[in-house]
Amino acid sequence: MAGERSLADKLNHLFARHTSRSGQEYSNEQVAAAIVATGVTISQSYIWQLRKGKKDNPTFKHLQALAAFFG
């Protein structure tokens, strides 16, 4: 469908809009560590792959964890 944004676009938008208290964009490592602390296994390299569009079919658990992190 024309105009539909990819998962990578949506995820990168969240990274750009939701910054740390210092105003800096969260790193893939910071997001992965925060998600792992909730008990969901995810790596910074997997988040990188999602953001680059190299992976585009995450599990529901991973989508929930990313959504929870970004509120």
N, C-alpha and C. Protein backbone atom coordinates (compact mmCIF):
# COMPACT_ATOMS: atom_id res chain seq x y z
N MET A 1 0.84 -1.18 0.00
CA MET A 1 0.00 0.00 0.00
C MET A 1 0.89 1.25 0.00
N ALA A 2 0.59 2.17 -0.86
CA ALA A 2 1.40 3.39 -0.99
C ALA A 2 1.33 4.23 0.29
N GLY A 3 2.46 4.78 0.67
CA GLY A 3 2.50 5.64 1.85
C GLY A 3 2.64 4.91 3.17
N GLU A 4 2.58 3.60 3.14
CA GLU A 4 2.70 2.83 4.38
C GLU A 4 4.17 2.77 4.79
N ARG A 5 4.42 3.07 6.06
CA ARG A 5 5.80 3.08 6.56
C ARG A 5 6.22 1.68 6.98
N SER A 6 7.47 1.38 6.77
CA SER A 6 8.02 0.08 7.17
C SER A 6 8.20 0.03 8.68
N LEU A 7 8.38 -1.18 9.18
CA LEU A 7 8.68 -1.34 10.60
C LEU A 7 9.95 -0.58 10.96
N ALA A 8 10.95 -0.64 10.10
CA ALA A 8 12.21 0.08 10.36
C ALA A 8 11.94 1.58 10.48
N ASP A 9 11.12 2.13 9.58
CA ASP A 9 10.78 3.56 9.64
C ASP A 9 10.09 3.90 10.95
N LYS A 10 9.15 3.08 11.35
CA LYS A 10 8.40 3.33 12.58
C LYS A 10 9.31 3.24 13.81
N LEU A 11 10.19 2.26 13.81
CA LEU A 11 11.10 2.08 14.94
C LEU A 11 12.10 3.24 15.02
N ASN A 12 12.62 3.65 13.88
CA ASN A 12 13.55 4.78 13.87
C ASN A 12 12.86 6.07 14.30
N HIS A 13 11.58 6.21 13.96
CA HIS A 13 10.80 7.36 14.41
C HIS A 13 10.72 7.37 15.94
N LEU A 14 10.47 6.20 16.54
CA LEU A 14 10.40 6.13 18.01
C LEU A 14 11.74 6.51 18.63
N PHE A 15 12.83 6.02 18.06
CA PHE A 15 14.15 6.37 18.58
C PHE A 15 14.39 7.88 18.50
N ALA A 16 13.95 8.49 17.40
CA ALA A 16 14.17 9.93 17.20
C ALA A 16 13.29 10.77 18.13
N ARG A 17 12.08 10.31 18.39
CA ARG A 17 11.12 11.11 19.17
C ARG A 17 11.26 10.94 20.68
N HIS A 18 11.64 9.76 21.11
CA HIS A 18 11.72 9.46 22.55
C HIS A 18 13.18 9.40 22.94
N THR A 19 13.66 10.49 23.50
CA THR A 19 15.08 10.58 23.84
C THR A 19 15.29 10.42 25.34
N SER A 20 16.53 10.20 25.70
CA SER A 20 16.89 10.08 27.12
C SER A 20 16.75 11.44 27.79
N ARG A 21 16.87 11.46 29.09
CA ARG A 21 16.76 12.72 29.84
C ARG A 21 17.78 13.76 29.39
N SER A 22 18.91 13.29 28.88
CA SER A 22 19.94 14.22 28.41
C SER A 22 19.61 14.78 27.03
N GLY A 23 18.53 14.27 26.42
CA GLY A 23 18.14 14.72 25.10
C GLY A 23 18.78 13.94 23.97
N GLN A 24 19.61 12.97 24.34
CA GLN A 24 20.27 12.13 23.34
C GLN A 24 19.37 10.98 22.93
N GLU A 25 19.52 10.56 21.68
CA GLU A 25 18.79 9.38 21.21
C GLU A 25 19.33 8.16 21.93
N TYR A 26 18.43 7.27 22.34
CA TYR A 26 18.87 6.02 22.98
C TYR A 26 19.65 5.19 21.96
N SER A 27 20.66 4.50 22.44
CA SER A 27 21.40 3.59 21.57
C SER A 27 20.68 2.25 21.54
N ASN A 28 20.99 1.46 20.54
CA ASN A 28 20.43 0.10 20.46
C ASN A 28 20.81 -0.68 21.72
N GLU A 29 22.04 -0.45 22.20
CA GLU A 29 22.52 -1.15 23.40
C GLU A 29 21.70 -0.77 24.63
N GLN A 30 21.39 0.53 24.77
CA GLN A 30 20.60 0.98 25.92
C GLN A 30 19.20 0.38 25.89
N VAL A 31 18.59 0.36 24.72
CA VAL A 31 17.23 -0.18 24.61
C VAL A 31 17.25 -1.68 24.88
N ALA A 32 18.22 -2.39 24.32
CA ALA A 32 18.31 -3.84 24.54
C ALA A 32 18.51 -4.14 26.03
N ALA A 33 19.40 -3.39 26.69
CA ALA A 33 19.66 -3.63 28.11
C ALA A 33 18.41 -3.38 28.95
N ALA A 34 17.67 -2.33 28.63
CA ALA A 34 16.45 -2.02 29.39
C ALA A 34 15.40 -3.11 29.18
N ILE A 35 15.30 -3.62 27.97
CA ILE A 35 14.32 -4.68 27.68
C ILE A 35 14.74 -5.98 28.36
N VAL A 36 16.03 -6.31 28.28
CA VAL A 36 16.53 -7.53 28.93
C VAL A 36 16.25 -7.48 30.44
N ALA A 37 16.35 -6.29 31.02
CA ALA A 37 16.09 -6.13 32.46
C ALA A 37 14.65 -6.46 32.82
N THR A 38 13.75 -6.44 31.84
CA THR A 38 12.35 -6.81 32.10
C THR A 38 12.11 -8.31 31.94
N GLY A 39 13.16 -9.03 31.52
CA GLY A 39 13.03 -10.47 31.38
C GLY A 39 12.84 -10.95 29.95
N VAL A 40 12.81 -10.03 28.99
CA VAL A 40 12.67 -10.40 27.58
C VAL A 40 14.06 -10.41 26.94
N THR A 41 14.41 -11.50 26.30
CA THR A 41 15.71 -11.63 25.67
C THR A 41 15.70 -10.95 24.31
N ILE A 42 16.58 -9.97 24.16
CA ILE A 42 16.74 -9.26 22.88
C ILE A 42 18.15 -8.71 22.86
N SER A 43 18.75 -8.63 21.67
CA SER A 43 20.12 -8.13 21.58
C SER A 43 20.14 -6.79 20.85
N GLN A 44 21.21 -6.04 21.08
CA GLN A 44 21.36 -4.77 20.38
C GLN A 44 21.51 -5.01 18.88
N SER A 45 22.14 -6.12 18.49
CA SER A 45 22.30 -6.39 17.06
C SER A 45 20.96 -6.71 16.40
N TYR A 46 20.06 -7.36 17.13
CA TYR A 46 18.72 -7.63 16.59
C TYR A 46 17.95 -6.32 16.42
N ILE A 47 18.06 -5.42 17.39
CA ILE A 47 17.40 -4.11 17.27
C ILE A 47 17.99 -3.36 16.08
N TRP A 48 19.30 -3.42 15.88
CA TRP A 48 19.95 -2.80 14.73
C TRP A 48 19.37 -3.36 13.43
N GLN A 49 19.22 -4.70 13.37
CA GLN A 49 18.68 -5.33 12.17
C GLN A 49 17.25 -4.87 11.90
N LEU A 50 16.45 -4.74 12.95
CA LEU A 50 15.09 -4.23 12.79
C LEU A 50 15.10 -2.80 12.28
N ARG A 51 15.99 -1.97 12.82
CA ARG A 51 16.06 -0.55 12.43
C ARG A 51 16.58 -0.37 11.01
N LYS A 52 17.40 -1.29 10.53
CA LYS A 52 17.95 -1.21 9.17
C LYS A 52 17.06 -1.92 8.15
N GLY A 53 16.01 -2.60 8.62
CA GLY A 53 15.13 -3.32 7.70
C GLY A 53 15.66 -4.67 7.27
N LYS A 54 16.73 -5.12 7.92
CA LYS A 54 17.29 -6.43 7.59
C LYS A 54 16.43 -7.55 8.17
N LYS A 55 15.74 -7.25 9.23
CA LYS A 55 14.73 -8.14 9.82
C LYS A 55 13.45 -7.32 9.89
N ASP A 56 12.32 -7.94 9.59
CA ASP A 56 11.07 -7.17 9.61
C ASP A 56 9.87 -7.95 10.13
N ASN A 57 10.15 -9.04 10.84
CA ASN A 57 9.06 -9.85 11.37
C ASN A 57 9.36 -10.27 12.81
N PRO A 58 9.42 -9.29 13.73
CA PRO A 58 9.75 -9.63 15.12
C PRO A 58 8.61 -10.39 15.79
N THR A 59 8.93 -11.08 16.86
CA THR A 59 7.89 -11.77 17.61
C THR A 59 7.00 -10.75 18.30
N PHE A 60 5.81 -11.17 18.66
CA PHE A 60 4.89 -10.29 19.37
C PHE A 60 5.52 -9.84 20.69
N LYS A 61 6.25 -10.76 21.33
CA LYS A 61 6.92 -10.44 22.60
C LYS A 61 7.92 -9.30 22.43
N HIS A 62 8.67 -9.33 21.33
CA HIS A 62 9.63 -8.27 21.07
C HIS A 62 8.93 -6.95 20.76
N LEU A 63 7.84 -7.01 19.98
CA LEU A 63 7.08 -5.78 19.69
C LEU A 63 6.51 -5.19 20.98
N GLN A 64 5.98 -6.04 21.85
CA GLN A 64 5.44 -5.58 23.13
C GLN A 64 6.54 -4.92 23.98
N ALA A 65 7.71 -5.52 24.00
CA ALA A 65 8.81 -5.00 24.81
C ALA A 65 9.29 -3.65 24.26
N LEU A 66 9.39 -3.53 22.95
CA LEU A 66 9.78 -2.27 22.33
C LEU A 66 8.72 -1.19 22.61
N ALA A 67 7.46 -1.58 22.46
CA ALA A 67 6.36 -0.63 22.72
C ALA A 67 6.38 -0.18 24.18
N ALA A 68 6.61 -1.10 25.09
CA ALA A 68 6.65 -0.75 26.51
C ALA A 68 7.81 0.19 26.80
N PHE A 69 8.96 -0.05 26.18
CA PHE A 69 10.12 0.81 26.42
C PHE A 69 9.83 2.24 25.97
N PHE A 70 9.25 2.38 24.79
CA PHE A 70 9.01 3.71 24.23
C PHE A 70 7.69 4.32 24.69
N GLY A 71 6.91 3.57 25.46
CA GLY A 71 5.66 4.10 26.01
C GLY A 71 4.60 4.29 24.97
